[in-house]
Each structure stands twice: as C-alpha cells, then as structure tokens.
PDB file of N, CA and C in Angstrom:
ATOM      1  N   MET A   1     119.337 -75.606  44.726  1.00  0.00           N
ATOM      2  CA  MET A   1     118.445 -75.585  45.845  1.00  0.00           C
ATOM      3  C   MET A   1     119.039 -74.413  46.830  1.00  0.00           C
ATOM      4  N   SER A   2     117.659 -73.552  46.872  1.00  0.00           N
ATOM      5  CA  SER A   2     117.701 -72.217  47.712  1.00  0.00           C
ATOM      6  C   SER A   2     117.935 -72.483  49.349  1.00  0.00           C
ATOM      7  N   PRO A   3     118.758 -71.388  49.996  1.00  0.00           N
ATOM      8  CA  PRO A   3     118.472 -71.874  51.274  1.00  0.00           C
ATOM      9  C   PRO A   3     117.556 -71.553  52.024  1.00  0.00           C
ATOM     10  N   LYS A   4     117.214 -72.139  53.147  1.00  0.00           N
ATOM     11  CA  LYS A   4     116.097 -72.065  53.638  1.00  0.00           C
ATOM     12  C   LYS A   4     116.252 -71.256  55.048  1.00  0.00           C
ATOM     13  N   ILE A   5     115.417 -70.616  55.382  1.00  0.00           N
ATOM     14  CA  ILE A   5     115.811 -69.674  56.799  1.00  0.00           C
ATOM     15  C   ILE A   5     114.291 -70.191  57.975  1.00  0.00           C
ATOM     16  N   LEU A   6     114.839 -70.128  59.063  1.00  0.00           N
ATOM     17  CA  LEU A   6     114.163 -70.434  60.349  1.00  0.00           C
ATOM     18  C   LEU A   6     113.429 -69.205  60.809  1.00  0.00           C
ATOM     19  N   VAL A   7     112.146 -69.029  60.739  1.00  0.00           N
ATOM     20  CA  VAL A   7     111.474 -68.261  61.009  1.00  0.00           C
ATOM     21  C   VAL A   7     110.393 -68.653  62.296  1.00  0.00           C
ATOM     22  N   SER A   8     110.169 -68.065  63.378  1.00  0.00           N
ATOM     23  CA  SER A   8     109.148 -68.657  64.322  1.00  0.00           C
ATOM     24  C   SER A   8     109.033 -70.099  63.856  1.00  0.00           C
ATOM     25  N   HIS A   9     110.140 -70.750  64.146  1.00  0.00           N
ATOM     26  CA  HIS A   9     109.910 -72.171  64.232  1.00  0.00           C
ATOM     27  C   HIS A   9     109.662 -73.039  62.812  1.00  0.00           C
ATOM     28  N   GLN A  10     109.383 -72.307  61.656  1.00  0.00           N
ATOM     29  CA  GLN A  10     109.323 -72.696  60.461  1.00  0.00           C
ATOM     30  C   GLN A  10     110.231 -72.380  59.663  1.00  0.00           C
ATOM     31  N   GLU A  11     110.938 -73.213  58.856  1.00  0.00           N
ATOM     32  CA  GLU A  11     111.522 -73.076  57.546  1.00  0.00           C
ATOM     33  C   GLU A  11     110.665 -72.634  56.456  1.00  0.00           C
ATOM     34  N   LEU A  12     111.369 -71.380  55.554  1.00  0.00           N
ATOM     35  CA  LEU A  12     111.010 -70.914  54.439  1.00  0.00           C
ATOM     36  C   LEU A  12     111.660 -70.966  53.744  1.00  0.00           C
ATOM     37  N   GLU A  13     111.085 -70.858  52.200  1.00  0.00           N
ATOM     38  CA  GLU A  13     111.689 -70.794  51.084  1.00  0.00           C
ATOM     39  C   GLU A  13     112.188 -69.021  50.963  1.00  0.00           C
ATOM     40  N   PRO A  14     113.246 -68.782  49.941  1.00  0.00           N
ATOM     41  CA  PRO A  14     113.417 -67.039  50.013  1.00  0.00           C
ATOM     42  C   PRO A  14     112.124 -66.100  49.873  1.00  0.00           C
ATOM     43  N   SER A  15     111.284 -66.823  48.909  1.00  0.00           N
ATOM     44  CA  SER A  15     110.010 -66.100  48.519  1.00  0.00           C
ATOM     45  C   SER A  15     108.999 -65.727  49.804  1.00  0.00           C
ATOM     46  N   ASP A  16     108.891 -66.930  50.696  1.00  0.00           N
ATOM     47  CA  ASP A  16     107.903 -66.813  51.776  1.00  0.00           C
ATOM     48  C   ASP A  16     108.562 -66.183  52.907  1.00  0.00           C
ATOM     49  N   MET A  17     110.357 -65.967  52.944  1.00  0.00           N
ATOM     50  CA  MET A  17     110.693 -64.961  53.762  1.00  0.00           C
ATOM     51  C   MET A  17     110.468 -63.484  53.428  1.00  0.00           C
ATOM     52  N   ASP A  18     110.368 -63.312  52.157  1.00  0.00           N
ATOM     53  CA  ASP A  18     109.914 -61.915  51.863  1.00  0.00           C
ATOM     54  C   ASP A  18     108.744 -61.922  52.123  1.00  0.00           C
ATOM     55  N   VAL A  19     107.748 -62.685  52.000  1.00  0.00           N
ATOM     56  CA  VAL A  19     106.657 -62.568  52.606  1.00  0.00           C
ATOM     57  C   VAL A  19     106.298 -62.128  54.270  1.00  0.00           C
ATOM     58  N   ALA A  20     107.132 -63.025  55.071  1.00  0.00           N
ATOM     59  CA  ALA A  20     107.361 -63.037  56.293  1.00  0.00           C
ATOM     60  C   ALA A  20     107.630 -61.451  56.662  1.00  0.00           C
ATOM     61  N   LEU A  21     108.940 -61.013  55.969  1.00  0.00           N
ATOM     62  CA  LEU A  21     109.364 -59.836  56.097  1.00  0.00           C
ATOM     63  C   LEU A  21     108.301 -58.915  56.123  1.00  0.00           C
ATOM     64  N   ARG A  22     107.571 -58.812  55.052  1.00  0.00           N
ATOM     65  CA  ARG A  22     106.530 -57.726  54.642  1.00  0.00           C
ATOM     66  C   ARG A  22     105.405 -57.728  55.624  1.00  0.00           C
ATOM     67  N   ASP A  23     105.141 -58.847  56.048  1.00  0.00           N
ATOM     68  CA  ASP A  23     104.244 -58.878  57.160  1.00  0.00           C
ATOM     69  C   ASP A  23     104.674 -58.549  58.333  1.00  0.00           C
ATOM     70  N   ALA A  24     105.698 -58.626  58.671  1.00  0.00           N
ATOM     71  CA  ALA A  24     106.418 -58.300  60.065  1.00  0.00           C
ATOM     72  C   ALA A  24     106.358 -56.505  60.061  1.00  0.00           C
ATOM     73  N   GLY A  25     106.875 -55.985  58.956  1.00  0.00           N
ATOM     74  CA  GLY A  25     106.979 -54.680  58.877  1.00  0.00           C
ATOM     75  C   GLY A  25     105.205 -53.942  58.678  1.00  0.00           C
ATOM     76  N   LEU A  26     104.459 -54.725  58.304  1.00  0.00           N
ATOM     77  CA  LEU A  26     103.004 -54.478  58.191  1.00  0.00           C
ATOM     78  C   LEU A  26     102.660 -54.498  59.446  1.00  0.00           C
ATOM     79  N   ARG A  27     102.563 -55.263  60.429  1.00  0.00           N
ATOM     80  CA  ARG A  27     102.405 -55.388  61.556  1.00  0.00           C
ATOM     81  C   ARG A  27     102.652 -54.495  62.583  1.00  0.00           C
ATOM     82  N   THR A  28     103.917 -53.679  62.325  1.00  0.00           N
ATOM     83  CA  THR A  28     104.637 -52.845  62.945  1.00  0.00           C
ATOM     84  C   THR A  28     104.008 -51.703  62.553  1.00  0.00           C
ATOM     85  N   ALA A  29     103.500 -51.198  61.203  1.00  0.00           N
ATOM     86  CA  ALA A  29     102.844 -50.123  60.813  1.00  0.00           C
ATOM     87  C   ALA A  29     101.592 -49.799  61.403  1.00  0.00           C
ATOM     88  N   VAL A  30     100.830 -50.964  61.357  1.00  0.00           N
ATOM     89  CA  VAL A  30      99.440 -51.204  61.737  1.00  0.00           C
ATOM     90  C   VAL A  30      99.525 -50.830  63.592  1.00  0.00           C
ATOM     91  N   THR A  31     100.296 -51.893  64.008  1.00  0.00           N
ATOM     92  CA  THR A  31     100.318 -51.542  65.530  1.00  0.00           C
ATOM     93  C   THR A  31     100.372 -49.856  66.050  1.00  0.00           C
ATOM     94  N   ASP A  32     101.456 -49.359  65.289  1.00  0.00           N
ATOM     95  CA  ASP A  32     101.869 -48.198  65.468  1.00  0.00           C
ATOM     96  C   ASP A  32     100.737 -47.031  64.982  1.00  0.00           C
ATOM     97  N   ARG A  33      99.832 -47.316  64.327  1.00  0.00           N
ATOM     98  CA  ARG A  33      98.817 -46.464  63.875  1.00  0.00           C
ATOM     99  C   ARG A  33      97.613 -46.700  64.850  1.00  0.00           C
ATOM    100  N   LEU A  34      97.556 -47.886  65.330  1.00  0.00           N
ATOM    101  CA  LEU A  34      96.592 -48.326  66.536  1.00  0.00           C
ATOM    102  C   LEU A  34      96.809 -47.499  67.458  1.00  0.00           C
ATOM    103  N   ARG A  35      97.720 -47.499  67.929  1.00  0.00           N
ATOM    104  CA  ARG A  35      98.558 -46.994  69.014  1.00  0.00           C
ATOM    105  C   ARG A  35      98.566 -45.360  69.418  1.00  0.00           C
ATOM    106  N   SER A  36      98.005 -44.869  68.091  1.00  0.00           N
ATOM    107  CA  SER A  36      97.960 -43.546  67.913  1.00  0.00           C
ATOM    108  C   SER A  36      96.461 -42.913  68.046  1.00  0.00           C
ATOM    109  N   CYS A  37      95.839 -44.091  68.013  1.00  0.00           N
ATOM    110  CA  CYS A  37      94.292 -43.895  67.840  1.00  0.00           C
ATOM    111  C   CYS A  37      93.687 -43.430  69.491  1.00  0.00           C
ATOM    112  N   ALA A  38      92.901 -42.304  69.661  1.00  0.00           N
ATOM    113  CA  ALA A  38      92.378 -41.846  70.740  1.00  0.00           C
ATOM    114  C   ALA A  38      91.785 -42.915  71.594  1.00  0.00           C
ATOM    115  N   PHE A  39      91.413 -44.198  71.111  1.00  0.00           N
ATOM    116  CA  PHE A  39      90.481 -44.983  71.915  1.00  0.00           C
ATOM    117  C   PHE A  39      91.309 -46.245  72.382  1.00  0.00           C
ATOM    118  N   PRO A  40      91.562 -46.299  73.637  1.00  0.00           N
ATOM    119  CA  PRO A  40      92.579 -47.168  74.494  1.00  0.00           C
ATOM    120  C   PRO A  40      92.089 -48.895  73.798  1.00  0.00           C
ATOM    121  N   ALA A  41      91.249 -48.950  73.653  1.00  0.00           N
ATOM    122  CA  ALA A  41      90.509 -50.597  73.376  1.00  0.00           C
ATOM    123  C   ALA A  41      91.009 -50.855  71.880  1.00  0.00           C
ATOM    124  N   LEU A  42      91.076 -49.911  71.148  1.00  0.00           N
ATOM    125  CA  LEU A  42      91.823 -49.872  69.748  1.00  0.00           C
ATOM    126  C   LEU A  42      93.335 -50.475  69.830  1.00  0.00           C
ATOM    127  N   ARG A  43      93.800 -49.879  70.636  1.00  0.00           N
ATOM    128  CA  ARG A  43      95.440 -50.182  71.131  1.00  0.00           C
ATOM    129  C   ARG A  43      95.343 -51.822  71.787  1.00  0.00           C
ATOM    130  N   MET A  44      94.453 -52.058  72.286  1.00  0.00           N
ATOM    131  CA  MET A  44      94.636 -53.631  72.592  1.00  0.00           C
ATOM    132  C   MET A  44      94.117 -54.594  71.907  1.00  0.00           C
ATOM    133  N   ILE A  45      93.856 -54.286  70.686  1.00  0.00           N
ATOM    134  CA  ILE A  45      92.900 -55.594  69.724  1.00  0.00           C
ATOM    135  C   ILE A  45      94.644 -56.399  69.216  1.00  0.00           C
ATOM    136  N   ARG A  46      93.998 -57.535  68.729  1.00  0.00           N
ATOM    137  CA  ARG A  46      94.992 -58.114  68.334  1.00  0.00           C
ATOM    138  C   ARG A  46      94.860 -58.354  66.573  1.00  0.00           C
ATOM    139  N   LEU A  47      96.244 -58.931  66.063  1.00  0.00           N
ATOM    140  CA  LEU A  47      95.908 -58.708  64.751  1.00  0.00           C
ATOM    141  C   LEU A  47      96.507 -60.077  64.406  1.00  0.00           C
ATOM    142  N   ASP A  48      96.608 -60.870  63.250  1.00  0.00           N
ATOM    143  CA  ASP A  48      96.706 -61.833  62.363  1.00  0.00           C
ATOM    144  C   ASP A  48      96.912 -61.316  61.206  1.00  0.00           C
ATOM    145  N   ILE A  49      98.076 -61.400  60.772  1.00  0.00           N
ATOM    146  CA  ILE A  49      98.723 -60.779  59.489  1.00  0.00           C
ATOM    147  C   ILE A  49      99.367 -61.942  58.721  1.00  0.00           C
ATOM    148  N   VAL A  50      98.654 -62.307  57.477  1.00  0.00           N
ATOM    149  CA  VAL A  50      98.954 -63.244  56.363  1.00  0.00           C
ATOM    150  C   VAL A  50      99.258 -62.846  54.929  1.00  0.00           C
ATOM    151  N   ASP A  51     100.247 -62.326  54.637  1.00  0.00           N
ATOM    152  CA  ASP A  51     100.492 -61.799  53.133  1.00  0.00           C
ATOM    153  C   ASP A  51      99.442 -60.718  52.903  1.00  0.00           C
ATOM    154  N   GLY A  52      99.585 -59.842  53.658  1.00  0.00           N
ATOM    155  CA  GLY A  52      98.986 -58.421  53.648  1.00  0.00           C
ATOM    156  C   GLY A  52      97.757 -58.482  54.077  1.00  0.00           C
ATOM    157  N   ASN A  53      97.015 -59.636  54.579  1.00  0.00           N
ATOM    158  CA  ASN A  53      95.725 -59.676  54.918  1.00  0.00           C
ATOM    159  C   ASN A  53      95.421 -59.950  56.156  1.00  0.00           C
ATOM    160  N   VAL A  54      94.852 -58.739  56.840  1.00  0.00           N
ATOM    161  CA  VAL A  54      94.738 -58.296  58.146  1.00  0.00           C
ATOM    162  C   VAL A  54      93.356 -58.984  58.908  1.00  0.00           C
ATOM    163  N   THR A  55      93.531 -59.486  59.938  1.00  0.00           N
ATOM    164  CA  THR A  55      92.446 -60.095  60.497  1.00  0.00           C
ATOM    165  C   THR A  55      92.468 -59.323  62.265  1.00  0.00           C
ATOM    166  N   LEU A  56      91.465 -58.784  62.445  1.00  0.00           N
ATOM    167  CA  LEU A  56      91.247 -57.814  64.016  1.00  0.00           C
ATOM    168  C   LEU A  56      90.202 -58.686  64.492  1.00  0.00           C
ATOM    169  N   THR A  57      90.867 -59.088  65.951  1.00  0.00           N
ATOM    170  CA  THR A  57      90.166 -59.825  66.885  1.00  0.00           C
ATOM    171  C   THR A  57      90.345 -59.170  68.360  1.00  0.00           C
ATOM    172  N   GLY A  58      89.552 -59.241  69.079  1.00  0.00           N
ATOM    173  CA  GLY A  58      89.257 -58.699  70.469  1.00  0.00           C
ATOM    174  C   GLY A  58      88.168 -57.893  71.000  1.00  0.00           C
ATOM    175  N   GLY A  59      88.014 -57.068  71.718  1.00  0.00           N
ATOM    176  CA  GLY A  59      86.674 -56.220  72.140  1.00  0.00           C
ATOM    177  C   GLY A  59      86.855 -54.917  72.219  1.00  0.00           C
ATOM    178  N   VAL A  60      85.848 -54.262  71.696  1.00  0.00           N
ATOM    179  CA  VAL A  60      85.906 -52.784  71.802  1.00  0.00           C
ATOM    180  C   VAL A  60      84.286 -52.211  72.303  1.00  0.00           C
ATOM    181  N   GLN A  61      84.179 -51.141  72.882  1.00  0.00           N
ATOM    182  CA  GLN A  61      83.241 -50.740  73.678  1.00  0.00           C
ATOM    183  C   GLN A  61      82.175 -50.287  72.456  1.00  0.00           C
ATOM    184  N   ASN A  62      81.941 -49.988  71.497  1.00  0.00           N
ATOM    185  CA  ASN A  62      80.787 -49.634  70.461  1.00  0.00           C
ATOM    186  C   ASN A  62      81.070 -49.967  69.052  1.00  0.00           C
ATOM    187  N   PHE A  63      79.857 -49.848  68.348  1.00  0.00           N
ATOM    188  CA  PHE A  63      79.906 -50.217  67.024  1.00  0.00           C
ATOM    189  C   PHE A  63      81.452 -49.204  66.335  1.00  0.00           C
ATOM    190  N   HIS A  64      80.876 -47.724  66.760  1.00  0.00           N
ATOM    191  CA  HIS A  64      81.526 -46.745  66.289  1.00  0.00           C
ATOM    192  C   HIS A  64      83.275 -47.138  66.063  1.00  0.00           C
ATOM    193  N   GLN A  65      83.695 -47.676  67.344  1.00  0.00           N
ATOM    194  CA  GLN A  65      85.053 -48.208  67.424  1.00  0.00           C
ATOM    195  C   GLN A  65      85.349 -49.337  66.785  1.00  0.00           C
ATOM    196  N   LYS A  66      84.454 -50.170  66.819  1.00  0.00           N
ATOM    197  CA  LYS A  66      84.720 -51.115  65.653  1.00  0.00           C
ATOM    198  C   LYS A  66      84.800 -50.826  64.282  1.00  0.00           C
ATOM    199  N   GLN A  67      84.095 -49.746  63.769  1.00  0.00           N
ATOM    200  CA  GLN A  67      84.350 -49.304  62.442  1.00  0.00           C
ATOM    201  C   GLN A  67      85.556 -48.524  62.271  1.00  0.00           C
ATOM    202  N   ILE A  68      86.059 -47.692  63.296  1.00  0.00           N
ATOM    203  CA  ILE A  68      87.238 -47.130  63.316  1.00  0.00           C
ATOM    204  C   ILE A  68      88.554 -47.582  63.249  1.00  0.00           C
ATOM    205  N   GLY A  69      88.099 -48.650  64.137  1.00  0.00           N
ATOM    206  CA  GLY A  69      89.469 -49.812  63.886  1.00  0.00           C
ATOM    207  C   GLY A  69      89.742 -50.149  62.432  1.00  0.00           C
ATOM    208  N   LEU A  70      88.766 -50.740  61.639  1.00  0.00           N
ATOM    209  CA  LEU A  70      88.544 -50.974  60.440  1.00  0.00           C
ATOM    210  C   LEU A  70      89.192 -50.137  59.106  1.00  0.00           C
ATOM    211  N   THR A  71      88.822 -49.150  59.604  1.00  0.00           N
ATOM    212  CA  THR A  71      89.066 -47.610  58.895  1.00  0.00           C
ATOM    213  C   THR A  71      91.166 -47.226  59.153  1.00  0.00           C
ATOM    214  N   ILE A  72      91.140 -47.352  60.351  1.00  0.00           N
ATOM    215  CA  ILE A  72      92.732 -47.186  60.469  1.00  0.00           C
ATOM    216  C   ILE A  72      93.346 -48.276  59.733  1.00  0.00           C
ATOM    217  N   VAL A  73      93.022 -49.680  60.077  1.00  0.00           N
ATOM    218  CA  VAL A  73      93.682 -50.370  59.185  1.00  0.00           C
ATOM    219  C   VAL A  73      93.673 -50.440  57.929  1.00  0.00           C
ATOM    220  N   ARG A  74      92.794 -50.152  57.209  1.00  0.00           N
ATOM    221  CA  ARG A  74      92.654 -49.995  55.841  1.00  0.00           C
ATOM    222  C   ARG A  74      93.515 -49.026  55.250  1.00  0.00           C
ATOM    223  N   SER A  75      93.820 -48.107  56.194  1.00  0.00           N
ATOM    224  CA  SER A  75      94.521 -46.737  55.505  1.00  0.00           C
ATOM    225  C   SER A  75      96.159 -46.790  55.432  1.00  0.00           C
ATOM    226  N   VAL A  76      96.425 -48.179  56.364  1.00  0.00           N
ATOM    227  CA  VAL A  76      98.120 -48.489  56.090  1.00  0.00           C
ATOM    228  C   VAL A  76      98.246 -48.857  54.652  1.00  0.00           C
ATOM    229  N   PRO A  77      99.440 -48.466  54.362  1.00  0.00           N
ATOM    230  CA  PRO A  77      99.582 -48.747  52.727  1.00  0.00           C
ATOM    231  C   PRO A  77     100.152 -50.379  53.022  1.00  0.00           C
ATOM    232  N   GLY A  78     100.190 -51.298  51.929  1.00  0.00           N
ATOM    233  CA  GLY A  78     100.592 -52.465  52.300  1.00  0.00           C
ATOM    234  C   GLY A  78      99.453 -53.751  52.781  1.00  0.00           C
ATOM    235  N   VAL A  79      98.579 -53.065  53.227  1.00  0.00           N
ATOM    236  CA  VAL A  79      97.468 -53.901  53.632  1.00  0.00           C
ATOM    237  C   VAL A  79      96.391 -54.463  52.371  1.00  0.00           C
ATOM    238  N   ARG A  80      96.194 -55.572  52.001  1.00  0.00           N
ATOM    239  CA  ARG A  80      95.677 -56.096  51.075  1.00  0.00           C
ATOM    240  C   ARG A  80      93.936 -56.284  51.482  1.00  0.00           C
ATOM    241  N   SER A  81      93.871 -56.580  52.844  1.00  0.00           N
ATOM    242  CA  SER A  81      92.103 -57.084  52.989  1.00  0.00           C
ATOM    243  C   SER A  81      92.439 -56.486  54.472  1.00  0.00           C
ATOM    244  N   VAL A  82      90.888 -56.653  54.923  1.00  0.00           N
ATOM    245  CA  VAL A  82      91.056 -56.880  56.447  1.00  0.00           C
ATOM    246  C   VAL A  82      89.575 -57.318  56.775  1.00  0.00           C
ATOM    247  N   ARG A  83      89.772 -58.349  57.534  1.00  0.00           N
ATOM    248  CA  ARG A  83      88.842 -59.092  58.317  1.00  0.00           C
ATOM    249  C   ARG A  83      88.296 -58.532  59.556  1.00  0.00           C
ATOM    250  N   ASN A  84      87.250 -58.049  59.639  1.00  0.00           N
ATOM    251  CA  ASN A  84      86.823 -57.125  61.141  1.00  0.00           C
ATOM    252  C   ASN A  84      86.068 -58.254  61.979  1.00  0.00           C
ATOM    253  N   GLU A  85      86.998 -59.153  62.971  1.00  0.00           N
ATOM    254  CA  GLU A  85      86.213 -59.980  64.350  1.00  0.00           C
ATOM    255  C   GLU A  85      86.239 -59.322  65.338  1.00  0.00           C
ATOM    256  N   LEU A  86      86.209 -57.724  65.209  1.00  0.00           N
ATOM    257  CA  LEU A  86      85.870 -57.383  66.643  1.00  0.00           C
ATOM    258  C   LEU A  86      84.428 -57.371  67.272  1.00  0.00           C
ATOM    259  N   THR A  87      84.606 -57.569  68.549  1.00  0.00           N
ATOM    260  CA  THR A  87      82.921 -57.655  68.989  1.00  0.00           C
ATOM    261  C   THR A  87      82.812 -56.477  69.902  1.00  0.00           C
ATOM    262  N   VAL A  88      81.613 -56.089  69.730  1.00  0.00           N
ATOM    263  CA  VAL A  88      81.321 -54.805  70.895  1.00  0.00           C
ATOM    264  C   VAL A  88      80.921 -55.635  72.248  1.00  0.00           C
ATOM    265  N   ARG A  89      81.654 -55.136  73.504  1.00  0.00           N
ATOM    266  CA  ARG A  89      81.364 -55.903  74.639  1.00  0.00           C
ATOM    267  C   ARG A  89      80.412 -54.697  75.171  1.00  0.00           C
TER     268      ARG A  89
END
C-alpha cells in the first residue's frame, strides 16, 4: 500500500500529490505573471487550478482587461486550459 499524504485536509495518493504540487507551482507562476501586469484589476482576480486547468473569477474594468487576463494565463507553461469567468464591472 502506498503512503498517503495529507494536503489541505485531504489524503492524497502519491500520484495525486504530484498533481497537487504541480498545481501549486502553476498557481505561483500564474500569480507572478498576473502581478507583473500593468492592470491592477488583473492582480486581484481569483484562480482555481485543478490538474493544470485554470478558472479565472473576479471583476475587471472592461472587455480588454478580460482578454488580457486570458492571454496572460494561457501563456504560462503548464496551463492546460483556461475558463475565463471574469466579469466586466
């Protein structure tokens, strides 16, 4: 039997742990990329990352910022897909 590891109050199999660690690294990379963006609203969006699939939520000021957020996240190595649920306020 493989050892299980507790991450965020969930027991994970070793292969699940690999995915969780990859997603954590991806979160850091995406967050860093968004923080370097010129638009403050993009620095504040929420990310949900599961197995390299990223969901963006939160509010931005216009459609242009929504598209820039999508483009930035897609450009990060390791991102498999992006679901853009940003709303224009």
